[in-house]
PDB file of N, CA and C in Angstrom:
ATOM      1  N   MET A   1    -102.685-105.171-127.635  1.00  0.00           N
ATOM      2  CA  MET A   1    -102.133-105.594-128.886  1.00  0.00           C
ATOM      3  C   MET A   1    -100.676-105.149-128.915  1.00  0.00           C
ATOM      4  N   GLY A   2     -99.840-105.921-129.585  1.00  0.00           N
ATOM      5  CA  GLY A   2     -98.439-105.563-129.650  1.00  0.00           C
ATOM      6  C   GLY A   2     -97.817-105.880-130.998  1.00  0.00           C
ATOM      7  N   THR A   3     -96.770-105.157-131.313  1.00  0.00           N
ATOM      8  CA  THR A   3     -95.996-105.420-132.521  1.00  0.00           C
ATOM      9  C   THR A   3     -94.512-105.383-132.157  1.00  0.00           C
ATOM     10  N   THR A   4     -93.753-106.196-132.855  1.00  0.00           N
ATOM     11  CA  THR A   4     -92.314-106.229-132.672  1.00  0.00           C
ATOM     12  C   THR A   4     -91.665-106.125-134.037  1.00  0.00           C
ATOM     13  N   THR A   5     -90.670-105.271-134.152  1.00  0.00           N
ATOM     14  CA  THR A   5     -89.908-105.158-135.392  1.00  0.00           C
ATOM     15  C   THR A   5     -88.435-105.220-135.038  1.00  0.00           C
ATOM     16  N   GLY A   6     -87.632-105.664-135.969  1.00  0.00           N
ATOM     17  CA  GLY A   6     -86.205-105.682-135.727  1.00  0.00           C
ATOM     18  C   GLY A   6     -85.512-106.809-136.427  1.00  0.00           C
ATOM     19  N   LEU A   7     -84.366-107.153-135.899  1.00  0.00           N
ATOM     20  CA  LEU A   7     -83.506-108.150-136.505  1.00  0.00           C
ATOM     21  C   LEU A   7     -82.902-109.021-135.418  1.00  0.00           C
ATOM     22  N   VAL A   8     -82.940-110.333-135.635  1.00  0.00           N
ATOM     23  CA  VAL A   8     -82.263-111.292-134.761  1.00  0.00           C
ATOM     24  C   VAL A   8     -81.262-112.036-135.633  1.00  0.00           C
ATOM     25  N   THR A   9     -80.015-112.032-135.216  1.00  0.00           N
ATOM     26  CA  THR A   9     -78.966-112.720-135.950  1.00  0.00           C
ATOM     27  C   THR A   9     -78.396-113.815-135.059  1.00  0.00           C
ATOM     28  N   ILE A  10     -78.475-115.058-135.529  1.00  0.00           N
ATOM     29  CA  ILE A  10     -77.961-116.196-134.768  1.00  0.00           C
ATOM     30  C   ILE A  10     -76.847-116.840-135.579  1.00  0.00           C
ATOM     31  N   SER A  11     -75.693-117.014-134.942  1.00  0.00           N
ATOM     32  CA  SER A  11     -74.597-117.735-135.582  1.00  0.00           C
ATOM     33  C   SER A  11     -74.222-118.902-134.669  1.00  0.00           C
ATOM     34  N   ALA A  12     -73.201-119.627-135.044  1.00  0.00           N
ATOM     35  CA  ALA A  12     -72.783-120.781-134.238  1.00  0.00           C
ATOM     36  C   ALA A  12     -72.239-120.369-132.875  1.00  0.00           C
ATOM     37  N   THR A  13     -71.809-119.109-132.728  1.00  0.00           N
ATOM     38  CA  THR A  13     -71.182-118.695-131.471  1.00  0.00           C
ATOM     39  C   THR A  13     -71.804-117.454-130.822  1.00  0.00           C
ATOM     40  N   SER A  14     -72.824-116.855-131.455  1.00  0.00           N
ATOM     41  CA  SER A  14     -73.411-115.654-130.861  1.00  0.00           C
ATOM     42  C   SER A  14     -74.850-115.447-131.337  1.00  0.00           C
ATOM     43  N   VAL A  15     -75.558-114.634-130.583  1.00  0.00           N
ATOM     44  CA  VAL A  15     -76.898-114.204-130.967  1.00  0.00           C
ATOM     45  C   VAL A  15     -76.976-112.705-130.679  1.00  0.00           C
ATOM     46  N   ALA A  16     -77.573-111.985-131.592  1.00  0.00           N
ATOM     47  CA  ALA A  16     -77.745-110.546-131.399  1.00  0.00           C
ATOM     48  C   ALA A  16     -79.194-110.185-131.710  1.00  0.00           C
ATOM     49  N   ARG A  17     -79.854-109.538-130.738  1.00  0.00           N
ATOM     50  CA  ARG A  17     -81.225-109.068-130.947  1.00  0.00           C
ATOM     51  C   ARG A  17     -81.196-107.550-130.987  1.00  0.00           C
ATOM     52  N   ASN A  18     -81.811-106.999-131.993  1.00  0.00           N
ATOM     53  CA  ASN A  18     -81.993-105.557-132.104  1.00  0.00           C
ATOM     54  C   ASN A  18     -83.461-105.374-132.446  1.00  0.00           C
ATOM     55  N   ILE A  19     -84.310-105.319-131.419  1.00  0.00           N
ATOM     56  CA  ILE A  19     -85.751-105.309-131.652  1.00  0.00           C
ATOM     57  C   ILE A  19     -86.422-104.174-130.884  1.00  0.00           C
ATOM     58  N   THR A  20     -87.561-103.740-131.418  1.00  0.00           N
ATOM     59  CA  THR A  20     -88.399-102.738-130.780  1.00  0.00           C
ATOM     60  C   THR A  20     -89.801-103.319-130.654  1.00  0.00           C
ATOM     61  N   THR A  21     -90.390-103.179-129.487  1.00  0.00           N
ATOM     62  CA  THR A  21     -91.724-103.693-129.235  1.00  0.00           C
ATOM     63  C   THR A  21     -92.634-102.546-128.821  1.00  0.00           C
ATOM     64  N   ARG A  22     -93.860-102.531-129.358  1.00  0.00           N
ATOM     65  CA  ARG A  22     -94.873-101.549-128.959  1.00  0.00           C
ATOM     66  C   ARG A  22     -96.139-102.309-128.571  1.00  0.00           C
ATOM     67  N   VAL A  23     -96.614-102.036-127.365  1.00  0.00           N
ATOM     68  CA  VAL A  23     -97.854-102.615-126.862  1.00  0.00           C
ATOM     69  C   VAL A  23     -98.842-101.476-126.672  1.00  0.00           C
ATOM     70  N   THR A  24    -100.079-101.653-127.142  1.00  0.00           N
ATOM     71  CA  THR A  24    -101.123-100.650-126.959  1.00  0.00           C
ATOM     72  C   THR A  24    -102.310-101.286-126.258  1.00  0.00           C
ATOM     73  N   GLY A  25    -103.043-100.483-125.512  1.00  0.00           N
ATOM     74  CA  GLY A  25    -104.200-101.017-124.821  1.00  0.00           C
ATOM     75  C   GLY A  25    -105.186 -99.950-124.415  1.00  0.00           C
ATOM     76  N   ASN A  26    -106.340-100.407-123.956  1.00  0.00           N
ATOM     77  CA  ASN A  26    -107.412 -99.549-123.471  1.00  0.00           C
ATOM     78  C   ASN A  26    -107.897-100.094-122.143  1.00  0.00           C
ATOM     79  N   ALA A  27    -108.361 -99.205-121.290  1.00  0.00           N
ATOM     80  CA  ALA A  27    -108.946 -99.615-120.018  1.00  0.00           C
ATOM     81  C   ALA A  27    -110.058 -98.643-119.647  1.00  0.00           C
ATOM     82  N   ALA A  28    -111.130 -99.178-119.099  1.00  0.00           N
ATOM     83  CA  ALA A  28    -112.222 -98.359-118.579  1.00  0.00           C
ATOM     84  C   ALA A  28    -112.291 -98.595-117.075  1.00  0.00           C
ATOM     85  N   VAL A  29    -112.032 -97.560-116.311  1.00  0.00           N
ATOM     86  CA  VAL A  29    -112.032 -97.661-114.853  1.00  0.00           C
ATOM     87  C   VAL A  29    -113.291 -96.963-114.344  1.00  0.00           C
ATOM     88  N   PRO A  30    -114.172 -97.690-113.630  1.00  0.00           N
ATOM     89  CA  PRO A  30    -115.384 -97.052-113.098  1.00  0.00           C
ATOM     90  C   PRO A  30    -115.029 -95.861-112.202  1.00  0.00           C
ATOM     91  N   THR A  31    -115.842 -94.824-112.249  1.00  0.00           N
ATOM     92  CA  THR A  31    -115.594 -93.620-111.454  1.00  0.00           C
ATOM     93  C   THR A  31    -115.427 -93.944-109.977  1.00  0.00           C
ATOM     94  N   THR A  32    -116.213 -94.896-109.470  1.00  0.00           N
ATOM     95  CA  THR A  32    -116.114 -95.246-108.048  1.00  0.00           C
ATOM     96  C   THR A  32    -114.733 -95.785-107.693  1.00  0.00           C
ATOM     97  N   CYS A  33    -114.068 -96.419-108.615  1.00  0.00           N
ATOM     98  CA  CYS A  33    -112.704 -96.912-108.377  1.00  0.00           C
ATOM     99  C   CYS A  33    -111.673 -95.808-108.613  1.00  0.00           C
ATOM    100  N   ALA A  34    -111.913 -94.974-109.625  1.00  0.00           N
ATOM    101  CA  ALA A  34    -110.970 -93.907-109.963  1.00  0.00           C
ATOM    102  C   ALA A  34    -110.845 -92.881-108.842  1.00  0.00           C
ATOM    103  N   VAL A  35    -111.920 -92.681-108.072  1.00  0.00           N
ATOM    104  CA  VAL A  35    -111.910 -91.701-106.984  1.00  0.00           C
ATOM    105  C   VAL A  35    -110.771 -91.978-106.013  1.00  0.00           C
ATOM    106  N   ALA A  36    -110.532 -93.236-105.705  1.00  0.00           N
ATOM    107  CA  ALA A  36    -109.473 -93.608-104.762  1.00  0.00           C
ATOM    108  C   ALA A  36    -108.086 -93.230-105.265  1.00  0.00           C
ATOM    109  N   LEU A  37    -107.953 -93.031-106.578  1.00  0.00           N
ATOM    110  CA  LEU A  37    -106.662 -92.672-107.162  1.00  0.00           C
ATOM    111  C   LEU A  37    -106.568 -91.197-107.526  1.00  0.00           C
ATOM    112  N   GLY A  38    -107.584 -90.422-107.133  1.00  0.00           N
ATOM    113  CA  GLY A  38    -107.581 -89.001-107.469  1.00  0.00           C
ATOM    114  C   GLY A  38    -108.352 -88.700-108.738  1.00  0.00           C
ATOM    115  N   GLY A  39    -109.325 -89.559-109.060  1.00  0.00           N
ATOM    116  CA  GLY A  39    -110.132 -89.350-110.264  1.00  0.00           C
ATOM    117  C   GLY A  39    -109.376 -89.751-111.515  1.00  0.00           C
ATOM    118  N   CYS A  40    -109.933 -89.335-112.633  1.00  0.00           N
ATOM    119  CA  CYS A  40    -109.331 -89.694-113.924  1.00  0.00           C
ATOM    120  C   CYS A  40    -107.883 -89.194-114.052  1.00  0.00           C
ATOM    121  N   PRO A  41    -107.568 -87.962-113.579  1.00  0.00           N
ATOM    122  CA  PRO A  41    -106.166 -87.526-113.642  1.00  0.00           C
ATOM    123  C   PRO A  41    -105.232 -88.434-112.832  1.00  0.00           C
ATOM    124  N   GLY A  42    -105.717 -88.952-111.705  1.00  0.00           N
ATOM    125  CA  GLY A  42    -104.894 -89.855-110.892  1.00  0.00           C
ATOM    126  C   GLY A  42    -104.654 -91.186-111.585  1.00  0.00           C
ATOM    127  N   VAL A  43    -105.698 -91.705-112.242  1.00  0.00           N
ATOM    128  CA  VAL A  43    -105.540 -92.951-113.001  1.00  0.00           C
ATOM    129  C   VAL A  43    -104.529 -92.738-114.121  1.00  0.00           C
ATOM    130  N   GLN A  44    -104.647 -91.610-114.818  1.00  0.00           N
ATOM    131  CA  GLN A  44    -103.713 -91.294-115.905  1.00  0.00           C
ATOM    132  C   GLN A  44    -102.287 -91.225-115.385  1.00  0.00           C
ATOM    133  N   ASN A  45    -102.066 -90.559-114.260  1.00  0.00           N
ATOM    134  CA  ASN A  45    -100.711 -90.469-113.690  1.00  0.00           C
ATOM    135  C   ASN A  45    -100.169 -91.837-113.315  1.00  0.00           C
ATOM    136  N   MET A  46    -101.025 -92.701-112.751  1.00  0.00           N
ATOM    137  CA  MET A  46    -100.597 -94.050-112.397  1.00  0.00           C
ATOM    138  C   MET A  46    -100.165 -94.819-113.646  1.00  0.00           C
ATOM    139  N   LEU A  47    -100.969 -94.721-114.710  1.00  0.00           N
ATOM    140  CA  LEU A  47    -100.627 -95.414-115.960  1.00  0.00           C
ATOM    141  C   LEU A  47     -99.352 -94.853-116.574  1.00  0.00           C
ATOM    142  N   ARG A  48     -99.145 -93.545-116.465  1.00  0.00           N
ATOM    143  CA  ARG A  48     -97.923 -92.944-117.021  1.00  0.00           C
ATOM    144  C   ARG A  48     -96.668 -93.423-116.291  1.00  0.00           C
ATOM    145  N   ASN A  49     -96.827 -93.862-115.043  1.00  0.00           N
ATOM    146  CA  ASN A  49     -95.692 -94.430-114.318  1.00  0.00           C
ATOM    147  C   ASN A  49     -95.334 -95.824-114.829  1.00  0.00           C
ATOM    148  N   ALA A  50     -96.296 -96.506-115.449  1.00  0.00           N
ATOM    149  CA  ALA A  50     -96.079 -97.880-115.904  1.00  0.00           C
ATOM    150  C   ALA A  50     -95.869 -97.993-117.410  1.00  0.00           C
ATOM    151  N   PHE A  51     -96.355 -97.017-118.183  1.00  0.00           N
ATOM    152  CA  PHE A  51     -96.315 -97.094-119.643  1.00  0.00           C
ATOM    153  C   PHE A  51     -95.631 -95.867-120.228  1.00  0.00           C
ATOM    154  N   THR A  52     -95.233 -95.970-121.495  1.00  0.00           N
ATOM    155  CA  THR A  52     -94.580 -94.855-122.171  1.00  0.00           C
ATOM    156  C   THR A  52     -95.532 -93.675-122.291  1.00  0.00           C
ATOM    157  N   THR A  53     -96.791 -93.915-122.692  1.00  0.00           N
ATOM    158  CA  THR A  53     -97.796 -92.865-122.785  1.00  0.00           C
ATOM    159  C   THR A  53     -99.094 -93.369-122.189  1.00  0.00           C
ATOM    160  N   ALA A  54     -99.900 -92.445-121.704  1.00  0.00           N
ATOM    161  CA  ALA A  54    -101.234 -92.776-121.203  1.00  0.00           C
ATOM    162  C   ALA A  54    -102.093 -91.523-121.258  1.00  0.00           C
ATOM    163  N   SER A  55    -103.361 -91.723-121.619  1.00  0.00           N
ATOM    164  CA  SER A  55    -104.298 -90.615-121.673  1.00  0.00           C
ATOM    165  C   SER A  55    -105.653 -91.122-121.191  1.00  0.00           C
ATOM    166  N   CYS A  56    -106.253 -90.393-120.241  1.00  0.00           N
ATOM    167  CA  CYS A  56    -107.540 -90.796-119.684  1.00  0.00           C
ATOM    168  C   CYS A  56    -108.517 -89.626-119.720  1.00  0.00           C
ATOM    169  N   THR A  57    -109.756 -89.921-120.082  1.00  0.00           N
ATOM    170  CA  THR A  57    -110.823 -88.923-120.083  1.00  0.00           C
ATOM    171  C   THR A  57    -112.113 -89.583-119.618  1.00  0.00           C
ATOM    172  N   GLY A  58    -113.078 -88.771-119.258  1.00  0.00           N
ATOM    173  CA  GLY A  58    -114.390 -89.302-118.929  1.00  0.00           C
ATOM    174  C   GLY A  58    -114.943 -88.761-117.635  1.00  0.00           C
ATOM    175  N   THR A  59    -116.269 -88.905-117.487  1.00  0.00           N
ATOM    176  CA  THR A  59    -116.939 -88.479-116.263  1.00  0.00           C
ATOM    177  C   THR A  59    -117.690 -89.640-115.606  1.00  0.00           C
ATOM    178  N   THR A  60    -118.371 -90.488-116.392  1.00  0.00           N
ATOM    179  CA  THR A  60    -119.067 -91.633-115.808  1.00  0.00           C
ATOM    180  C   THR A  60    -118.139 -92.828-115.650  1.00  0.00           C
ATOM    181  N   SER A  61    -117.103 -92.878-116.442  1.00  0.00           N
ATOM    182  CA  SER A  61    -116.013 -93.831-116.253  1.00  0.00           C
ATOM    183  C   SER A  61    -114.754 -93.163-116.773  1.00  0.00           C
ATOM    184  N   CYS A  62    -113.641 -93.654-116.337  1.00  0.00           N
ATOM    185  CA  CYS A  62    -112.356 -93.110-116.775  1.00  0.00           C
ATOM    186  C   CYS A  62    -111.863 -94.001-117.911  1.00  0.00           C
ATOM    187  N   ASP A  63    -111.949 -93.502-119.137  1.00  0.00           N
ATOM    188  CA  ASP A  63    -111.562 -94.277-120.316  1.00  0.00           C
ATOM    189  C   ASP A  63    -110.131 -93.929-120.695  1.00  0.00           C
ATOM    190  N   CYS A  64    -109.279 -94.924-120.691  1.00  0.00           N
ATOM    191  CA  CYS A  64    -107.847 -94.702-120.879  1.00  0.00           C
ATOM    192  C   CYS A  64    -107.313 -95.476-122.080  1.00  0.00           C
ATOM    193  N   THR A  65    -106.352 -94.877-122.751  1.00  0.00           N
ATOM    194  CA  THR A  65    -105.556 -95.561-123.775  1.00  0.00           C
ATOM    195  C   THR A  65    -104.095 -95.431-123.340  1.00  0.00           C
ATOM    196  N   PHE A  66    -103.299 -96.441-123.670  1.00  0.00           N
ATOM    197  CA  PHE A  66    -101.898 -96.399-123.268  1.00  0.00           C
ATOM    198  C   PHE A  66    -101.047 -97.157-124.273  1.00  0.00           C
ATOM    199  N   THR A  67     -99.768 -96.811-124.310  1.00  0.00           N
ATOM    200  CA  THR A  67     -98.787 -97.517-125.132  1.00  0.00           C
ATOM    201  C   THR A  67     -97.532 -97.744-124.292  1.00  0.00           C
ATOM    202  N   ASP A  68     -96.804 -98.769-124.646  1.00  0.00           N
ATOM    203  CA  ASP A  68     -95.525 -99.033-124.008  1.00  0.00           C
ATOM    204  C   ASP A  68     -94.535 -99.427-125.093  1.00  0.00           C
ATOM    205  N   ASP A  69     -93.442 -98.701-125.163  1.00  0.00           N
ATOM    206  CA  ASP A  69     -92.396 -98.976-126.141  1.00  0.00           C
ATOM    207  C   ASP A  69     -91.160 -99.476-125.417  1.00  0.00           C
ATOM    208  N   SER A  70     -90.526-100.490-125.983  1.00  0.00           N
ATOM    209  CA  SER A  70     -89.270-100.954-125.418  1.00  0.00           C
ATOM    210  C   SER A  70     -88.347-101.379-126.547  1.00  0.00           C
ATOM    211  N   ALA A  71     -87.071-101.262-126.285  1.00  0.00           N
ATOM    212  CA  ALA A  71     -86.063-101.661-127.268  1.00  0.00           C
ATOM    213  C   ALA A  71     -85.066-102.588-126.590  1.00  0.00           C
ATOM    214  N   VAL A  72     -84.639-103.598-127.325  1.00  0.00           N
ATOM    215  CA  VAL A  72     -83.656-104.554-126.821  1.00  0.00           C
ATOM    216  C   VAL A  72     -82.530-104.656-127.838  1.00  0.00           C
ATOM    217  N   THR A  73     -81.332-104.423-127.385  1.00  0.00           N
ATOM    218  CA  THR A  73     -80.147-104.647-128.204  1.00  0.00           C
ATOM    219  C   THR A  73     -79.213-105.491-127.363  1.00  0.00           C
ATOM    220  N   THR A  74     -79.085-106.766-127.728  1.00  0.00           N
ATOM    221  CA  THR A  74     -78.312-107.674-126.884  1.00  0.00           C
ATOM    222  C   THR A  74     -77.401-108.579-127.699  1.00  0.00           C
ATOM    223  N   PRO A  75     -76.178-108.175-127.931  1.00  0.00           N
ATOM    224  CA  PRO A  75     -75.235-109.144-128.489  1.00  0.00           C
ATOM    225  C   PRO A  75     -74.718-110.031-127.354  1.00  0.00           C
ATOM    226  N   SER A  76     -74.742-111.332-127.550  1.00  0.00           N
ATOM    227  CA  SER A  76     -74.307-112.255-126.499  1.00  0.00           C
ATOM    228  C   SER A  76     -73.595-113.446-127.106  1.00  0.00           C
ATOM    229  N   PRO A  77     -72.592-113.985-126.394  1.00  0.00           N
ATOM    230  CA  PRO A  77     -72.053-115.265-126.824  1.00  0.00           C
ATOM    231  C   PRO A  77     -73.159-116.307-126.666  1.00  0.00           C
ATOM    232  N   ALA A  78     -73.145-117.325-127.512  1.00  0.00           N
ATOM    233  CA  ALA A  78     -74.230-118.305-127.472  1.00  0.00           C
ATOM    234  C   ALA A  78     -73.769-119.667-127.976  1.00  0.00           C
ATOM    235  N   THR A  79     -74.534-120.680-127.574  1.00  0.00           N
ATOM    236  CA  THR A  79     -74.380-122.016-128.135  1.00  0.00           C
ATOM    237  C   THR A  79     -75.743-122.456-128.652  1.00  0.00           C
ATOM    238  N   ILE A  80     -75.721-123.355-129.619  1.00  0.00           N
ATOM    239  CA  ILE A  80     -76.965-123.872-130.198  1.00  0.00           C
ATOM    240  C   ILE A  80     -76.950-125.385-130.085  1.00  0.00           C
ATOM    241  N   ALA A  81     -78.070-125.934-129.586  1.00  0.00           N
ATOM    242  CA  ALA A  81     -78.259-127.384-129.528  1.00  0.00           C
ATOM    243  C   ALA A  81     -79.673-127.666-130.015  1.00  0.00           C
ATOM    244  N   GLY A  82     -79.775-128.222-131.217  1.00  0.00           N
ATOM    245  CA  GLY A  82     -81.096-128.482-131.794  1.00  0.00           C
ATOM    246  C   GLY A  82     -81.849-127.188-132.030  1.00  0.00           C
ATOM    247  N   THR A  83     -82.984-127.008-131.351  1.00  0.00           N
ATOM    248  CA  THR A  83     -83.775-125.785-131.493  1.00  0.00           C
ATOM    249  C   THR A  83     -83.711-124.925-130.236  1.00  0.00           C
ATOM    250  N   THR A  84     -82.589-125.033-129.499  1.00  0.00           N
ATOM    251  CA  THR A  84     -82.401-124.226-128.297  1.00  0.00           C
ATOM    252  C   THR A  84     -81.118-123.424-128.421  1.00  0.00           C
ATOM    253  N   VAL A  85     -81.234-122.131-128.182  1.00  0.00           N
ATOM    254  CA  VAL A  85     -80.078-121.249-128.109  1.00  0.00           C
ATOM    255  C   VAL A  85     -79.869-120.912-126.640  1.00  0.00           C
ATOM    256  N   THR A  86     -78.620-121.017-126.173  1.00  0.00           N
ATOM    257  CA  THR A  86     -78.283-120.600-124.813  1.00  0.00           C
ATOM    258  C   THR A  86     -77.361-119.404-124.926  1.00  0.00           C
ATOM    259  N   THR A  87     -77.814-118.267-124.381  1.00  0.00           N
ATOM    260  CA  THR A  87     -76.970-117.081-124.380  1.00  0.00           C
ATOM    261  C   THR A  87     -76.166-117.045-123.094  1.00  0.00           C
ATOM    262  N   ASP A  88     -74.981-116.488-123.175  1.00  0.00           N
ATOM    263  CA  ASP A  88     -74.055-116.425-122.043  1.00  0.00           C
ATOM    264  C   ASP A  88     -73.890-117.775-121.358  1.00  0.00           C
ATOM    265  N   PRO A  89     -73.614-118.836-122.142  1.00  0.00           N
ATOM    266  CA  PRO A  89     -73.532-120.181-121.553  1.00  0.00           C
ATOM    267  C   PRO A  89     -72.456-120.271-120.486  1.00  0.00           C
ATOM    268  N   GLY A  90     -72.759-121.058-119.437  1.00  0.00           N
ATOM    269  CA  GLY A  90     -71.788-121.291-118.378  1.00  0.00           C
ATOM    270  C   GLY A  90     -71.655-120.150-117.384  1.00  0.00           C
ATOM    271  N   THR A  91     -72.528-119.150-117.478  1.00  0.00           N
ATOM    272  CA  THR A  91     -72.466-118.030-116.532  1.00  0.00           C
ATOM    273  C   THR A  91     -73.787-117.936-115.773  1.00  0.00           C
ATOM    274  N   ALA A  92     -73.802-117.119-114.726  1.00  0.00           N
ATOM    275  CA  ALA A  92     -75.038-116.905-113.962  1.00  0.00           C
ATOM    276  C   ALA A  92     -76.082-116.168-114.800  1.00  0.00           C
ATOM    277  N   ALA A  93     -75.653-115.507-115.865  1.00  0.00           N
ATOM    278  CA  ALA A  93     -76.575-114.752-116.733  1.00  0.00           C
ATOM    279  C   ALA A  93     -77.144-115.612-117.865  1.00  0.00           C
ATOM    280  N   ALA A  94     -76.814-116.898-117.894  1.00  0.00           N
ATOM    281  CA  ALA A  94     -77.263-117.775-118.988  1.00  0.00           C
ATOM    282  C   ALA A  94     -78.784-117.786-119.097  1.00  0.00           C
ATOM    283  N   ARG A  95     -79.258-117.724-120.347  1.00  0.00           N
ATOM    284  CA  ARG A  95     -80.696-117.799-120.635  1.00  0.00           C
ATOM    285  C   ARG A  95     -80.877-118.724-121.832  1.00  0.00           C
ATOM    286  N   THR A  96     -82.021-119.433-121.858  1.00  0.00           N
ATOM    287  CA  THR A  96     -82.294-120.332-122.984  1.00  0.00           C
ATOM    288  C   THR A  96     -83.499-119.834-123.765  1.00  0.00           C
ATOM    289  N   TRP A  97     -83.457-120.105-125.058  1.00  0.00           N
ATOM    290  CA  TRP A  97     -84.492-119.661-125.983  1.00  0.00           C
ATOM    291  C   TRP A  97     -84.828-120.814-126.924  1.00  0.00           C
ATOM    292  N   GLY A  98     -86.099-121.167-127.022  1.00  0.00           N
ATOM    293  CA  GLY A  98     -86.536-122.128-128.024  1.00  0.00           C
ATOM    294  C   GLY A  98     -86.832-121.368-129.302  1.00  0.00           C
ATOM    295  N   PHE A  99     -86.429-121.935-130.452  1.00  0.00           N
ATOM    296  CA  PHE A  99     -86.674-121.224-131.703  1.00  0.00           C
ATOM    297  C   PHE A  99     -87.085-122.175-132.808  1.00  0.00           C
ATOM    298  N   CYS A 100     -87.743-121.609-133.806  1.00  0.00           N
ATOM    299  CA  CYS A 100     -88.115-122.331-135.020  1.00  0.00           C
ATOM    300  C   CYS A 100     -87.906-121.393-136.188  1.00  0.00           C
ATOM    301  N   ASN A 101     -87.179-121.862-137.189  1.00  0.00           N
ATOM    302  CA  ASN A 101     -86.948-121.092-138.400  1.00  0.00           C
ATOM    303  C   ASN A 101     -87.635-121.837-139.535  1.00  0.00           C
ATOM    304  N   ALA A 102     -88.808-121.344-139.955  1.00  0.00           N
ATOM    305  CA  ALA A 102     -89.574-122.039-140.988  1.00  0.00           C
ATOM    306  C   ALA A 102     -90.227-121.034-141.931  1.00  0.00           C
ATOM    307  N   ASN A 103     -90.239-121.365-143.185  1.00  0.00           N
ATOM    308  CA  ASN A 103     -90.887-120.543-144.205  1.00  0.00           C
ATOM    309  C   ASN A 103     -90.434-119.088-144.178  1.00  0.00           C
ATOM    310  N   GLY A 104     -89.173-118.865-143.886  1.00  0.00           N
ATOM    311  CA  GLY A 104     -88.635-117.514-143.890  1.00  0.00           C
ATOM    312  C   GLY A 104     -88.919-116.711-142.632  1.00  0.00           C
ATOM    313  N   SER A 105     -89.587-117.303-141.650  1.00  0.00           N
ATOM    314  CA  SER A 105     -89.894-116.603-140.397  1.00  0.00           C
ATOM    315  C   SER A 105     -89.154-117.256-139.233  1.00  0.00           C
ATOM    316  N   LEU A 106     -88.766-116.433-138.278  1.00  0.00           N
ATOM    317  CA  LEU A 106     -88.127-116.914-137.066  1.00  0.00           C
ATOM    318  C   LEU A 106     -89.090-116.687-135.908  1.00  0.00           C
ATOM    319  N   THR A 107     -89.408-117.753-135.184  1.00  0.00           N
ATOM    320  CA  THR A 107     -90.236-117.650-133.992  1.00  0.00           C
ATOM    321  C   THR A 107     -89.378-118.089-132.815  1.00  0.00           C
ATOM    322  N   TYR A 108     -89.405-117.303-131.735  1.00  0.00           N
ATOM    323  CA  TYR A 108     -88.616-117.692-130.570  1.00  0.00           C
ATOM    324  C   TYR A 108     -89.270-117.213-129.282  1.00  0.00           C
ATOM    325  N   LYS A 109     -88.938-117.907-128.193  1.00  0.00           N
ATOM    326  CA  LYS A 109     -89.459-117.569-126.873  1.00  0.00           C
ATOM    327  C   LYS A 109     -88.442-118.017-125.833  1.00  0.00           C
ATOM    328  N   GLU A 110     -88.304-117.212-124.788  1.00  0.00           N
ATOM    329  CA  GLU A 110     -87.392-117.597-123.715  1.00  0.00           C
ATOM    330  C   GLU A 110     -87.958-118.799-122.974  1.00  0.00           C
ATOM    331  N   THR A 111     -87.108-119.812-122.745  1.00  0.00           N
ATOM    332  CA  THR A 111     -87.521-121.030-122.048  1.00  0.00           C
ATOM    333  C   THR A 111     -86.776-121.215-120.728  1.00  0.00           C
ATOM    334  N   THR A 112     -86.015-120.200-120.320  1.00  0.00           N
ATOM    335  CA  THR A 112     -85.315-120.240-119.043  1.00  0.00           C
ATOM    336  C   THR A 112     -86.338-120.369-117.911  1.00  0.00           C
ATOM    337  N   ALA A 113     -86.019-121.175-116.886  1.00  0.00           N
ATOM    338  CA  ALA A 113     -86.883-121.210-115.697  1.00  0.00           C
ATOM    339  C   ALA A 113     -86.973-119.785-115.160  1.00  0.00           C
ATOM    340  N   GLN A 114     -88.157-119.350-114.778  1.00  0.00           N
ATOM    341  CA  GLN A 114     -88.403-117.983-114.326  1.00  0.00           C
ATOM    342  C   GLN A 114     -87.944-116.969-115.374  1.00  0.00           C
ATOM    343  N   ALA A 115     -88.413-117.177-116.609  1.00  0.00           N
ATOM    344  CA  ALA A 115     -88.033-116.322-117.737  1.00  0.00           C
ATOM    345  C   ALA A 115     -88.365-114.858-117.461  1.00  0.00           C
ATOM    346  N   ARG A 116     -87.455-113.981-117.872  1.00  0.00           N
ATOM    347  CA  ARG A 116     -87.700-112.537-117.747  1.00  0.00           C
ATOM    348  C   ARG A 116     -88.473-112.017-118.949  1.00  0.00           C
ATOM    349  N   ASP A 117     -88.337-112.675-120.081  1.00  0.00           N
ATOM    350  CA  ASP A 117     -88.980-112.259-121.324  1.00  0.00           C
ATOM    351  C   ASP A 117     -90.040-113.311-121.660  1.00  0.00           C
ATOM    352  N   THR A 118     -91.306-112.993-121.472  1.00  0.00           N
ATOM    353  CA  THR A 118     -92.364-113.994-121.615  1.00  0.00           C
ATOM    354  C   THR A 118     -93.114-113.892-122.932  1.00  0.00           C
ATOM    355  N   TRP A 119     -92.683-113.049-123.838  1.00  0.00           N
ATOM    356  CA  TRP A 119     -93.355-112.889-125.129  1.00  0.00           C
ATOM    357  C   TRP A 119     -92.950-114.007-126.087  1.00  0.00           C
ATOM    358  N   LEU A 120     -93.868-114.361-126.979  1.00  0.00           N
ATOM    359  CA  LEU A 120     -93.556-115.226-128.119  1.00  0.00           C
ATOM    360  C   LEU A 120     -93.351-114.309-129.300  1.00  0.00           C
ATOM    361  N   TYR A 121     -92.163-114.306-129.871  1.00  0.00           N
ATOM    362  CA  TYR A 121     -91.830-113.427-130.976  1.00  0.00           C
ATOM    363  C   TYR A 121     -91.876-114.192-132.292  1.00  0.00           C
ATOM    364  N   THR A 122     -92.471-113.589-133.312  1.00  0.00           N
ATOM    365  CA  THR A 122     -92.388-114.110-134.666  1.00  0.00           C
ATOM    366  C   THR A 122     -91.898-112.986-135.546  1.00  0.00           C
ATOM    367  N   MET A 123     -90.765-113.237-136.188  1.00  0.00           N
ATOM    368  CA  MET A 123     -90.165-112.217-137.051  1.00  0.00           C
ATOM    369  C   MET A 123     -90.205-112.749-138.482  1.00  0.00           C
ATOM    370  N   ALA A 124     -90.845-111.980-139.339  1.00  0.00           N
ATOM    371  CA  ALA A 124     -91.007-112.383-140.736  1.00  0.00           C
ATOM    372  C   ALA A 124     -90.281-111.390-141.632  1.00  0.00           C
ATOM    373  N   PRO A 125     -89.901-111.835-142.834  1.00  0.00           N
ATOM    374  CA  PRO A 125     -89.204-110.924-143.748  1.00  0.00           C
ATOM    375  C   PRO A 125     -90.100-109.780-144.192  1.00  0.00           C
TER     376      PRO A 125
END
């Protein structure tokens, strides 16, 4: 499960994202699989390398909870055509975003080929 909070400001010549995302999850790793990683402590260490926090306990299975926090602050020059925003237009760093602004909410997703940001964001007042 994940939540995103923040502010996205789009003008005729720029876009600025100041957002924070938190993803939480659970995993149950069978003991027979956890052994290869050093047991439950090894699974926990592996998860801590990938996530902001991770905690694992258990004897018959390794039951883990984890969270991942990330923040994005990106002011960029931009152009708008219909419902597409292009950041850093005309450069190798250019990225495209499809957006919809309806009923006071902004929904957007990166539409660049081989997108780096694959989340669908909905920001409501």
